[in-house]
Amino acid sequence: MHKLIANHLQYRELAAFLTNFWNDASRELSDLVVDEWDRKLDAFFLRGQQAGVFRIDVTAATLSELFISVLIGLVDAERRGRVARAGLAGVVESTFLRGVAAR
C-alpha cells in the first residue's frame, strides 16, 4: 500500500491538472488509460483480498474507487492550500487502511 501511494503521489501535479482541466474532447484516449488503470488497481485490491489484507465484504472495484477518491481529493486540497504536502502519503495510507474513527 505504501509503495502504491508513493507511486501515485509522484505524479500529483498531473493528477491535479487532470482533475481541474478535464477535457471531454480527449475522452476516447483517456478512457483507454483509465480502463487500464482501473484494471490494475482492481487486481491489486483483489490480490490483497485473497491474501486476507483487505476486507472481502467490499468489492475490489469499490476499494479502487475509494482509494482514488481519497488520493485525488487530497491532492486537490493540497493544491488549494487546505492540507499540507508534508505527510500526505501517511494521511492517505492511515485513512484508507484504518479509517477515521478515534481508537
N, C-alpha and C. Protein backbone atom coordinates (compact mmCIF):
# COMPACT_ATOMS: atom_id res chain seq x y z
N MET A 1 0.83 -1.18 0.00
CA MET A 1 0.00 0.00 0.00
C MET A 1 0.88 1.25 0.00
N HIS A 2 1.93 1.19 0.81
CA HIS A 2 2.83 2.34 0.91
C HIS A 2 3.44 2.68 -0.45
N LYS A 3 3.91 1.66 -1.16
CA LYS A 3 4.52 1.88 -2.48
C LYS A 3 3.48 2.36 -3.51
N LEU A 4 2.28 1.82 -3.44
CA LEU A 4 1.21 2.25 -4.35
C LEU A 4 0.92 3.73 -4.18
N ILE A 5 0.82 4.18 -2.93
CA ILE A 5 0.55 5.59 -2.65
C ILE A 5 1.71 6.46 -3.11
N ALA A 6 2.92 6.05 -2.77
CA ALA A 6 4.11 6.83 -3.17
C ALA A 6 4.19 6.97 -4.68
N ASN A 7 3.92 5.90 -5.41
CA ASN A 7 3.97 5.96 -6.87
C ASN A 7 2.91 6.90 -7.43
N HIS A 8 1.74 6.90 -6.84
CA HIS A 8 0.68 7.80 -7.30
C HIS A 8 1.02 9.26 -6.97
N LEU A 9 1.54 9.49 -5.78
CA LEU A 9 1.85 10.87 -5.38
C LEU A 9 3.06 11.43 -6.13
N GLN A 10 3.86 10.56 -6.70
CA GLN A 10 4.99 11.01 -7.50
C GLN A 10 4.49 11.87 -8.68
N TYR A 11 3.28 11.61 -9.13
CA TYR A 11 2.70 12.34 -10.27
C TYR A 11 1.51 13.19 -9.82
N ARG A 12 1.58 13.74 -8.62
CA ARG A 12 0.47 14.51 -8.06
C ARG A 12 0.11 15.72 -8.92
N GLU A 13 1.11 16.35 -9.54
CA GLU A 13 0.82 17.53 -10.37
C GLU A 13 -0.02 17.14 -11.59
N LEU A 14 0.28 16.00 -12.17
CA LEU A 14 -0.52 15.51 -13.30
C LEU A 14 -1.95 15.22 -12.85
N ALA A 15 -2.08 14.59 -11.70
CA ALA A 15 -3.42 14.29 -11.18
C ALA A 15 -4.20 15.58 -10.93
N ALA A 16 -3.54 16.58 -10.35
CA ALA A 16 -4.20 17.86 -10.09
C ALA A 16 -4.61 18.53 -11.40
N PHE A 17 -3.72 18.48 -12.38
CA PHE A 17 -4.03 19.07 -13.68
C PHE A 17 -5.23 18.39 -14.33
N LEU A 18 -5.20 17.07 -14.37
CA LEU A 18 -6.30 16.34 -15.00
C LEU A 18 -7.61 16.55 -14.26
N THR A 19 -7.55 16.65 -12.95
CA THR A 19 -8.74 16.88 -12.16
C THR A 19 -9.36 18.24 -12.46
N ASN A 20 -8.53 19.25 -12.67
CA ASN A 20 -9.03 20.61 -12.86
C ASN A 20 -9.29 21.00 -14.30
N PHE A 21 -8.64 20.34 -15.24
CA PHE A 21 -8.74 20.76 -16.64
C PHE A 21 -9.17 19.61 -17.55
N TRP A 22 -10.05 18.78 -17.04
CA TRP A 22 -10.55 17.65 -17.82
C TRP A 22 -11.22 18.16 -19.09
N ASN A 23 -10.91 17.53 -20.20
CA ASN A 23 -11.45 17.93 -21.49
C ASN A 23 -12.14 16.74 -22.14
N ASP A 24 -13.43 16.85 -22.35
CA ASP A 24 -14.17 15.74 -22.95
C ASP A 24 -13.73 15.43 -24.38
N ALA A 25 -13.04 16.34 -25.04
CA ALA A 25 -12.58 16.10 -26.40
C ALA A 25 -11.57 14.95 -26.45
N SER A 26 -10.84 14.74 -25.39
CA SER A 26 -9.85 13.66 -25.36
C SER A 26 -10.37 12.43 -24.62
N ARG A 27 -11.65 12.33 -24.48
CA ARG A 27 -12.27 11.27 -23.68
C ARG A 27 -11.95 9.87 -24.19
N GLU A 28 -11.94 9.65 -25.48
CA GLU A 28 -11.71 8.31 -26.02
C GLU A 28 -10.34 7.78 -25.62
N LEU A 29 -9.30 8.58 -25.79
CA LEU A 29 -7.96 8.17 -25.40
C LEU A 29 -7.86 8.02 -23.88
N SER A 30 -8.42 8.97 -23.16
CA SER A 30 -8.31 8.91 -21.70
C SER A 30 -9.08 7.73 -21.14
N ASP A 31 -10.18 7.34 -21.78
CA ASP A 31 -10.94 6.18 -21.31
C ASP A 31 -10.09 4.91 -21.39
N LEU A 32 -9.25 4.80 -22.43
CA LEU A 32 -8.38 3.64 -22.55
C LEU A 32 -7.37 3.61 -21.40
N VAL A 33 -6.80 4.75 -21.08
CA VAL A 33 -5.83 4.84 -20.00
C VAL A 33 -6.50 4.56 -18.66
N VAL A 34 -7.65 5.17 -18.44
CA VAL A 34 -8.37 4.98 -17.18
C VAL A 34 -8.80 3.54 -17.02
N ASP A 35 -9.26 2.90 -18.10
CA ASP A 35 -9.68 1.50 -18.03
C ASP A 35 -8.51 0.61 -17.60
N GLU A 36 -7.32 0.85 -18.13
CA GLU A 36 -6.14 0.07 -17.77
C GLU A 36 -5.76 0.33 -16.31
N TRP A 37 -5.82 1.58 -15.91
CA TRP A 37 -5.52 1.97 -14.52
C TRP A 37 -6.50 1.27 -13.57
N ASP A 38 -7.78 1.31 -13.92
CA ASP A 38 -8.80 0.65 -13.11
C ASP A 38 -8.53 -0.85 -13.00
N ARG A 39 -8.21 -1.49 -14.11
CA ARG A 39 -7.94 -2.94 -14.10
C ARG A 39 -6.77 -3.27 -13.17
N LYS A 40 -5.72 -2.46 -13.25
CA LYS A 40 -4.54 -2.73 -12.41
C LYS A 40 -4.84 -2.50 -10.93
N LEU A 41 -5.56 -1.44 -10.62
CA LEU A 41 -5.92 -1.19 -9.22
C LEU A 41 -6.86 -2.28 -8.70
N ASP A 42 -7.85 -2.65 -9.51
CA ASP A 42 -8.77 -3.73 -9.10
C ASP A 42 -7.99 -5.01 -8.82
N ALA A 43 -7.02 -5.33 -9.68
CA ALA A 43 -6.21 -6.55 -9.49
C ALA A 43 -5.39 -6.45 -8.20
N PHE A 44 -4.84 -5.28 -7.91
CA PHE A 44 -4.09 -5.07 -6.68
C PHE A 44 -4.97 -5.35 -5.46
N PHE A 45 -6.15 -4.75 -5.44
CA PHE A 45 -7.03 -4.94 -4.28
C PHE A 45 -7.58 -6.36 -4.21
N LEU A 46 -7.83 -6.99 -5.35
CA LEU A 46 -8.30 -8.38 -5.35
C LEU A 46 -7.21 -9.29 -4.77
N ARG A 47 -5.96 -9.08 -5.17
CA ARG A 47 -4.86 -9.88 -4.60
C ARG A 47 -4.79 -9.67 -3.08
N GLY A 48 -4.97 -8.43 -2.66
CA GLY A 48 -4.96 -8.14 -1.23
C GLY A 48 -6.11 -8.81 -0.50
N GLN A 49 -7.27 -8.86 -1.13
CA GLN A 49 -8.41 -9.56 -0.53
C GLN A 49 -8.13 -11.06 -0.43
N GLN A 50 -7.57 -11.61 -1.48
CA GLN A 50 -7.27 -13.04 -1.48
C GLN A 50 -6.21 -13.40 -0.45
N ALA A 51 -5.32 -12.45 -0.15
CA ALA A 51 -4.27 -12.67 0.85
C ALA A 51 -4.76 -12.35 2.26
N GLY A 52 -5.99 -11.87 2.39
CA GLY A 52 -6.55 -11.56 3.69
C GLY A 52 -6.15 -10.20 4.24
N VAL A 53 -5.61 -9.33 3.38
CA VAL A 53 -5.17 -8.00 3.80
C VAL A 53 -6.33 -7.01 3.80
N PHE A 54 -7.18 -7.10 2.80
CA PHE A 54 -8.32 -6.18 2.67
C PHE A 54 -9.62 -6.94 2.91
N ARG A 55 -10.60 -6.24 3.42
CA ARG A 55 -11.90 -6.83 3.69
C ARG A 55 -12.54 -7.34 2.41
N ILE A 56 -13.34 -8.40 2.55
CA ILE A 56 -13.94 -9.01 1.37
C ILE A 56 -15.40 -8.64 1.19
N ASP A 57 -15.97 -7.90 2.14
CA ASP A 57 -17.37 -7.52 2.00
C ASP A 57 -17.54 -6.27 1.13
N VAL A 58 -16.43 -5.74 0.64
CA VAL A 58 -16.43 -4.59 -0.28
C VAL A 58 -15.68 -5.06 -1.52
N THR A 59 -16.24 -4.84 -2.69
CA THR A 59 -15.59 -5.34 -3.91
C THR A 59 -14.25 -4.64 -4.16
N ALA A 60 -13.41 -5.32 -4.93
CA ALA A 60 -12.12 -4.75 -5.29
C ALA A 60 -12.32 -3.44 -6.07
N ALA A 61 -13.33 -3.40 -6.93
CA ALA A 61 -13.62 -2.18 -7.69
C ALA A 61 -13.99 -1.03 -6.75
N THR A 62 -14.75 -1.33 -5.71
CA THR A 62 -15.12 -0.30 -4.75
C THR A 62 -13.90 0.19 -3.99
N LEU A 63 -13.02 -0.73 -3.60
CA LEU A 63 -11.78 -0.32 -2.93
C LEU A 63 -10.94 0.57 -3.84
N SER A 64 -10.89 0.24 -5.12
CA SER A 64 -10.15 1.07 -6.09
C SER A 64 -10.73 2.48 -6.14
N GLU A 65 -12.04 2.57 -6.23
CA GLU A 65 -12.70 3.88 -6.30
C GLU A 65 -12.48 4.68 -5.02
N LEU A 66 -12.57 4.02 -3.88
CA LEU A 66 -12.32 4.70 -2.61
C LEU A 66 -10.89 5.23 -2.55
N PHE A 67 -9.94 4.40 -2.95
CA PHE A 67 -8.54 4.80 -2.94
C PHE A 67 -8.31 6.02 -3.82
N ILE A 68 -8.80 5.96 -5.04
CA ILE A 68 -8.59 7.06 -5.98
C ILE A 68 -9.30 8.32 -5.50
N SER A 69 -10.49 8.18 -4.96
CA SER A 69 -11.22 9.35 -4.46
C SER A 69 -10.48 10.05 -3.33
N VAL A 70 -9.96 9.26 -2.39
CA VAL A 70 -9.19 9.85 -1.28
C VAL A 70 -7.93 10.52 -1.82
N LEU A 71 -7.21 9.82 -2.68
CA LEU A 71 -5.96 10.35 -3.21
C LEU A 71 -6.17 11.63 -4.01
N ILE A 72 -7.07 11.62 -4.96
CA ILE A 72 -7.31 12.78 -5.81
C ILE A 72 -7.87 13.93 -4.99
N GLY A 73 -8.76 13.62 -4.06
CA GLY A 73 -9.33 14.66 -3.21
C GLY A 73 -8.26 15.37 -2.39
N LEU A 74 -7.33 14.62 -1.82
CA LEU A 74 -6.28 15.24 -1.02
C LEU A 74 -5.25 15.96 -1.87
N VAL A 75 -4.96 15.46 -3.06
CA VAL A 75 -4.06 16.17 -3.96
C VAL A 75 -4.68 17.52 -4.34
N ASP A 76 -5.97 17.53 -4.61
CA ASP A 76 -6.65 18.78 -4.92
C ASP A 76 -6.65 19.72 -3.71
N ALA A 77 -6.90 19.18 -2.53
CA ALA A 77 -6.90 20.00 -1.31
C ALA A 77 -5.51 20.58 -1.05
N GLU A 78 -4.48 19.80 -1.35
CA GLU A 78 -3.11 20.30 -1.23
C GLU A 78 -2.88 21.47 -2.19
N ARG A 79 -3.33 21.31 -3.42
CA ARG A 79 -3.18 22.36 -4.44
C ARG A 79 -3.87 23.65 -4.00
N ARG A 80 -5.01 23.52 -3.33
CA ARG A 80 -5.77 24.68 -2.87
C ARG A 80 -5.30 25.22 -1.53
N GLY A 81 -4.28 24.59 -0.94
CA GLY A 81 -3.73 25.07 0.31
C GLY A 81 -4.49 24.65 1.56
N ARG A 82 -5.37 23.68 1.42
CA ARG A 82 -6.16 23.24 2.58
C ARG A 82 -5.45 22.18 3.40
N VAL A 83 -4.56 21.41 2.78
CA VAL A 83 -3.79 20.40 3.51
C VAL A 83 -2.32 20.54 3.13
N ALA A 84 -1.46 20.17 4.05
CA ALA A 84 -0.02 20.27 3.82
C ALA A 84 0.48 19.11 2.97
N ARG A 85 1.49 19.42 2.16
CA ARG A 85 2.10 18.38 1.33
C ARG A 85 2.86 17.37 2.20
N ALA A 86 3.53 17.88 3.23
CA ALA A 86 4.30 17.01 4.11
C ALA A 86 3.37 16.02 4.82
N GLY A 87 3.70 14.78 4.74
CA GLY A 87 2.91 13.76 5.42
C GLY A 87 1.67 13.32 4.68
N LEU A 88 1.46 13.81 3.48
CA LEU A 88 0.23 13.48 2.75
C LEU A 88 0.13 11.97 2.49
N ALA A 89 1.24 11.34 2.14
CA ALA A 89 1.22 9.89 1.88
C ALA A 89 0.78 9.13 3.13
N GLY A 90 1.26 9.54 4.28
CA GLY A 90 0.88 8.87 5.53
C GLY A 90 -0.59 9.06 5.85
N VAL A 91 -1.11 10.24 5.55
CA VAL A 91 -2.53 10.50 5.78
C VAL A 91 -3.38 9.61 4.89
N VAL A 92 -3.00 9.51 3.61
CA VAL A 92 -3.76 8.66 2.68
C VAL A 92 -3.72 7.21 3.17
N GLU A 93 -2.53 6.74 3.51
CA GLU A 93 -2.38 5.34 3.93
C GLU A 93 -3.15 5.04 5.21
N SER A 94 -2.97 5.84 6.23
CA SER A 94 -3.64 5.55 7.50
C SER A 94 -5.15 5.71 7.39
N THR A 95 -5.60 6.70 6.66
CA THR A 95 -7.04 6.89 6.48
C THR A 95 -7.65 5.74 5.70
N PHE A 96 -6.97 5.34 4.63
CA PHE A 96 -7.50 4.27 3.81
C PHE A 96 -7.49 2.93 4.56
N LEU A 97 -6.41 2.63 5.24
CA LEU A 97 -6.28 1.34 5.89
C LEU A 97 -6.99 1.23 7.24
N ARG A 98 -7.07 2.34 7.97
CA ARG A 98 -7.63 2.28 9.32
C ARG A 98 -8.87 3.15 9.52
N GLY A 99 -9.24 3.90 8.52
CA GLY A 99 -10.42 4.76 8.66
C GLY A 99 -10.13 6.01 9.46
N VAL A 100 -11.18 6.70 9.83
CA VAL A 100 -11.02 7.96 10.55
C VAL A 100 -11.62 7.92 11.96
N ALA A 101 -12.06 6.76 12.39
CA ALA A 101 -12.64 6.66 13.73
C ALA A 101 -11.55 6.75 14.79
N ALA A 102 -11.84 7.46 15.88
CA ALA A 102 -10.91 7.52 17.00
C ALA A 102 -10.82 6.15 17.66
N ARG A 103 -9.67 5.82 18.12
CA ARG A 103 -9.48 4.50 18.76
C ARG A 103 -9.83 4.55 20.20
